[in-house]
Amino acid sequence: MVKDYTAKQWGRDPKELPAFIIRRLPVRLTFDNNYFNDPYQGIPIGGYTQIVEKMLDQPNISVQLNTDFFDNREKYLQDYDRVIFTGMIDQFFDYKFGELEYRSLRFETEILDKDNYQGNAVINYTDADTKFTRIIEHKFFEFGAGNKGKTVITHEYPQDWSRGVEPYYPVNNQENDHLFKKYREYANAEFPNVAFGGRLGMYRYYNMDQVIAAALQFVETNNMFKQ
């Protein structure tokens, strides 16, 4: 279950990956089939979108969509005292020390004329022969939601990353971690007003709860947004 799925997800032998990727999954000798050991597991009621909408619905906040940071990189760095960057840290520095490795994903989404396709939000396919890693049935993230007689499913396929392809996962092997450390040290020395965050900025495999915890800790540590 673990070996073939991991090789498919990361595109390499699991022996080449750091142990913490596997340690994310608890080993149990019980019939508890929860994914993690956390006492509370799930997503926010209404999803994450409504949380972000409320955060941005403030009189002193403006939002620019469909904007490429790198089109006005120097202007942003000059005009603002603090920049929080959550993209790829190596891209921020125009790959000055070389490319970090990432894994990407490809999604195929269908609308089906049925109430129920798989009866669950996510089912993983752990065998080596199936090319996709999971099927997501979106209506089951919120029980009772969705249209009757319709359901939306998405097949998720891992794929290699190259420039121009959306990155999803950092590949935290020894070589990449060494390169990231080089970027991090350079950023601290030359760009102290830029904070790097998220999976791509910190080059770390975060779960969503870890992302939120890291963001809250960053705000608290840096005394940001306080009146």
Protein backbone atom coordinates (compact mmCIF):
# COMPACT_ATOMS: atom_id res chain seq x y z
CA MET A 1 0.00 0.00 0.00
CA VAL A 2 2.71 2.49 0.99
CA LYS A 3 5.54 1.52 -1.38
CA ASP A 4 3.70 1.63 -4.73
CA TYR A 5 1.62 4.70 -3.85
CA THR A 6 4.69 6.61 -2.67
CA ALA A 7 6.68 5.71 -5.79
CA LYS A 8 3.79 6.82 -7.98
CA GLN A 9 3.24 10.06 -6.09
CA TRP A 10 6.89 11.12 -6.01
CA GLY A 11 8.16 9.52 -9.22
CA ARG A 12 11.09 7.80 -7.51
CA ASP A 13 11.95 4.86 -5.29
CA PRO A 14 10.78 5.49 -1.70
CA LYS A 15 14.34 4.72 -0.53
CA GLU A 16 15.36 8.06 -2.07
CA LEU A 17 12.87 10.02 0.04
CA PRO A 18 13.28 11.33 3.60
CA ALA A 19 11.66 9.31 6.36
CA PHE A 20 9.41 12.17 7.55
CA ILE A 21 7.18 11.72 4.46
CA ILE A 22 6.21 8.24 5.66
CA ARG A 23 6.12 9.27 9.32
CA ARG A 24 3.15 11.52 8.46
CA LEU A 25 1.05 8.35 8.43
CA PRO A 26 0.42 6.76 11.83
CA VAL A 27 0.97 3.03 12.29
CA ARG A 28 -1.78 1.40 14.37
CA LEU A 29 -2.60 -2.06 15.62
CA THR A 30 -6.31 -1.20 15.91
CA PHE A 31 -9.30 -0.81 13.58
CA ASP A 32 -9.17 3.00 13.76
CA ASN A 33 -9.24 4.02 10.10
CA ASN A 34 -8.72 7.76 10.58
CA TYR A 35 -5.93 9.25 8.49
CA PHE A 36 -4.26 11.02 11.41
CA ASN A 37 -4.29 10.77 15.19
CA ASP A 38 -5.61 14.31 15.67
CA PRO A 39 -8.76 14.43 17.84
CA TYR A 40 -10.48 16.77 15.35
CA GLN A 41 -10.23 16.11 11.63
CA GLY A 42 -12.02 17.75 8.74
CA ILE A 43 -12.36 21.00 6.86
CA PRO A 44 -14.08 24.24 7.92
CA ILE A 45 -17.85 24.44 7.45
CA GLY A 46 -18.35 26.11 4.10
CA GLY A 47 -14.79 25.29 3.04
CA TYR A 48 -11.71 27.49 3.04
CA THR A 49 -13.09 30.01 0.54
CA GLN A 50 -15.42 31.70 3.02
CA ILE A 51 -12.54 32.07 5.51
CA VAL A 52 -10.36 33.83 2.93
CA GLU A 53 -13.27 36.01 1.80
CA LYS A 54 -13.84 37.24 5.37
CA MET A 55 -10.14 37.90 5.88
CA LEU A 56 -10.01 40.04 2.74
CA ASP A 57 -13.28 41.85 3.35
CA GLN A 58 -11.61 44.68 5.26
CA PRO A 59 -11.58 48.43 4.46
CA ASN A 60 -7.77 48.64 4.43
CA ILE A 61 -7.15 45.66 2.16
CA SER A 62 -7.03 45.69 -1.64
CA VAL A 63 -6.74 42.56 -3.75
CA GLN A 64 -5.26 42.21 -7.22
CA LEU A 65 -6.18 39.02 -9.09
CA ASN A 66 -4.59 37.57 -12.23
CA THR A 67 -1.36 39.33 -11.32
CA ASP A 68 2.13 37.96 -11.82
CA PHE A 69 4.38 39.07 -8.97
CA PHE A 70 7.42 38.94 -11.23
CA ASP A 71 5.97 41.47 -13.66
CA ASN A 72 6.45 44.15 -10.98
CA ARG A 73 8.88 42.46 -8.61
CA GLU A 74 11.23 45.41 -8.13
CA LYS A 75 8.36 47.87 -7.64
CA TYR A 76 6.78 45.73 -4.91
CA LEU A 77 10.12 45.37 -3.12
CA GLN A 78 10.72 49.10 -3.31
CA ASP A 79 7.22 50.32 -2.40
CA TYR A 80 6.46 48.06 0.58
CA ASP A 81 8.26 47.72 3.90
CA ARG A 82 7.35 44.04 4.15
CA VAL A 83 6.61 41.46 1.46
CA ILE A 84 5.27 37.98 2.19
CA PHE A 85 6.14 35.68 -0.69
CA THR A 86 4.58 32.21 -0.94
CA GLY A 87 5.87 31.19 -4.37
CA MET A 88 8.99 29.21 -5.20
CA ILE A 89 11.99 30.61 -3.36
CA ASP A 90 14.38 29.64 -6.17
CA GLN A 91 12.21 31.44 -8.73
CA PHE A 92 12.22 34.56 -6.53
CA PHE A 93 16.00 34.69 -7.02
CA ASP A 94 15.79 33.75 -10.72
CA TYR A 95 17.30 30.33 -9.92
CA LYS A 96 20.56 32.02 -8.91
CA PHE A 97 21.97 28.87 -7.30
CA GLY A 98 20.09 26.34 -9.44
CA GLU A 99 16.64 24.74 -9.55
CA LEU A 100 15.01 23.05 -6.61
CA GLU A 101 12.96 19.96 -7.45
CA TYR A 102 9.17 19.83 -7.21
CA ARG A 103 6.39 17.42 -8.07
CA SER A 104 3.31 18.56 -9.93
CA LEU A 105 -0.23 17.28 -10.44
CA ARG A 106 -2.67 17.02 -13.32
CA PHE A 107 -6.44 17.02 -12.71
CA GLU A 108 -9.21 15.57 -14.86
CA THR A 109 -12.69 16.64 -13.72
CA GLU A 110 -16.06 15.24 -14.83
CA ILE A 111 -19.69 16.03 -14.06
CA LEU A 112 -21.69 12.80 -13.79
CA ASP A 113 -25.47 12.36 -13.95
CA LYS A 114 -25.77 10.43 -10.70
CA ASP A 115 -26.19 11.17 -7.00
CA ASN A 116 -23.20 9.18 -5.87
CA TYR A 117 -20.07 7.91 -7.60
CA GLN A 118 -17.93 6.50 -4.78
CA GLY A 119 -19.67 7.43 -1.54
CA ASN A 120 -16.67 9.23 -0.11
CA ALA A 121 -14.81 12.50 -0.56
CA VAL A 122 -11.45 10.88 -1.41
CA ILE A 123 -10.42 7.34 -2.30
CA ASN A 124 -6.73 6.65 -2.88
CA TYR A 125 -5.52 4.10 -5.42
CA THR A 126 -2.34 2.65 -3.99
CA ASP A 127 -1.40 0.14 -6.70
CA ALA A 128 1.36 0.77 -9.23
CA ASP A 129 -0.75 -0.01 -12.30
CA THR A 130 -3.40 2.71 -11.82
CA LYS A 131 -1.93 5.94 -13.17
CA PHE A 132 -3.88 8.31 -10.91
CA THR A 133 -3.40 8.44 -7.14
CA ARG A 134 -6.93 9.32 -6.05
CA ILE A 135 -10.47 10.18 -7.06
CA ILE A 136 -12.10 13.12 -5.32
CA GLU A 137 -15.90 13.39 -5.15
CA HIS A 138 -16.43 16.98 -4.09
CA LYS A 139 -19.97 16.84 -2.71
CA PHE A 140 -18.88 14.57 0.14
CA PHE A 141 -16.63 17.21 1.68
CA GLU A 142 -19.87 18.69 3.00
CA PHE A 143 -22.55 16.12 3.68
CA GLY A 144 -25.90 17.11 2.25
CA ALA A 145 -24.41 19.62 -0.18
CA GLY A 146 -24.43 19.34 -3.95
CA ASN A 147 -27.14 18.94 -6.57
CA LYS A 148 -29.44 15.95 -6.64
CA GLY A 149 -28.79 13.70 -9.60
CA LYS A 150 -25.36 15.26 -10.23
CA THR A 151 -21.89 14.76 -8.83
CA VAL A 152 -18.44 16.14 -9.67
CA ILE A 153 -15.39 13.88 -9.56
CA THR A 154 -11.72 14.63 -10.15
CA HIS A 155 -8.95 12.19 -11.02
CA GLU A 156 -5.57 13.30 -9.68
CA TYR A 157 -2.43 12.33 -11.61
CA PRO A 158 1.11 12.99 -10.33
CA GLN A 159 3.50 14.39 -12.91
CA ASP A 160 7.01 15.73 -13.26
CA TRP A 161 7.63 19.42 -12.74
CA SER A 162 9.45 21.78 -15.09
CA ARG A 163 9.41 25.56 -15.41
CA GLY A 164 5.98 26.77 -16.46
CA VAL A 165 4.25 23.81 -14.77
CA GLU A 166 2.45 24.42 -11.46
CA PRO A 167 4.51 23.11 -8.51
CA TYR A 168 2.72 21.31 -5.67
CA TYR A 169 5.24 19.40 -3.57
CA PRO A 170 8.87 20.09 -2.67
CA VAL A 171 11.16 17.06 -3.03
CA ASN A 172 12.95 17.12 0.31
CA ASN A 173 15.96 14.95 -0.33
CA GLN A 174 19.43 15.79 0.96
CA GLU A 175 20.58 17.56 -2.20
CA ASN A 176 17.50 19.80 -2.44
CA ASP A 177 17.50 20.64 1.25
CA HIS A 178 21.14 21.72 0.97
CA LEU A 179 20.27 23.97 -1.98
CA PHE A 180 17.26 25.42 -0.14
CA LYS A 181 19.48 26.24 2.85
CA LYS A 182 21.72 28.20 0.48
CA TYR A 183 18.72 30.19 -0.81
CA ARG A 184 17.46 30.73 2.73
CA GLU A 185 20.78 32.09 3.97
CA TYR A 186 21.01 34.40 0.97
CA ALA A 187 17.45 35.63 1.53
CA ASN A 188 18.11 36.39 5.21
CA ALA A 189 21.26 38.33 4.35
CA GLU A 190 20.11 40.24 1.28
CA PHE A 191 16.32 40.51 1.61
CA PRO A 192 15.46 40.84 5.33
CA ASN A 193 12.18 42.61 4.44
CA VAL A 194 10.86 39.55 2.54
CA ALA A 195 9.20 36.71 4.45
CA PHE A 196 8.96 33.38 2.64
CA GLY A 197 6.07 31.10 3.55
CA GLY A 198 4.07 28.03 2.58
CA ARG A 199 5.21 24.83 0.92
CA LEU A 200 7.06 26.62 -1.87
CA GLY A 201 8.58 29.51 0.07
CA MET A 202 9.74 27.33 2.95
CA TYR A 203 10.39 24.30 0.73
CA ARG A 204 8.65 22.03 3.19
CA TYR A 205 5.81 19.51 2.96
CA TYR A 206 3.10 21.20 5.03
CA ASN A 207 -0.38 19.88 5.75
CA MET A 208 -3.11 22.53 5.83
CA ASP A 209 -3.24 22.67 9.63
CA GLN A 210 0.52 23.15 9.71
CA VAL A 211 0.30 25.98 7.15
CA ILE A 212 -2.29 27.81 9.26
CA ALA A 213 -0.30 27.25 12.47
CA ALA A 214 2.89 28.53 10.83
CA ALA A 215 1.08 31.63 9.54
CA LEU A 216 -0.39 32.44 12.96
CA GLN A 217 2.99 31.93 14.62
CA PHE A 218 4.65 34.21 12.05
CA VAL A 219 2.14 36.99 12.68
CA GLU A 220 2.53 36.67 16.44
CA THR A 221 6.34 36.54 16.34
CA ASN A 222 6.64 39.56 14.05
CA ASN A 223 3.93 41.64 15.80
CA MET A 224 2.18 42.17 12.49
CA PHE A 225 -1.22 43.73 11.93
CA LYS A 226 -1.50 44.98 15.50
CA GLN A 227 -3.10 48.35 16.12
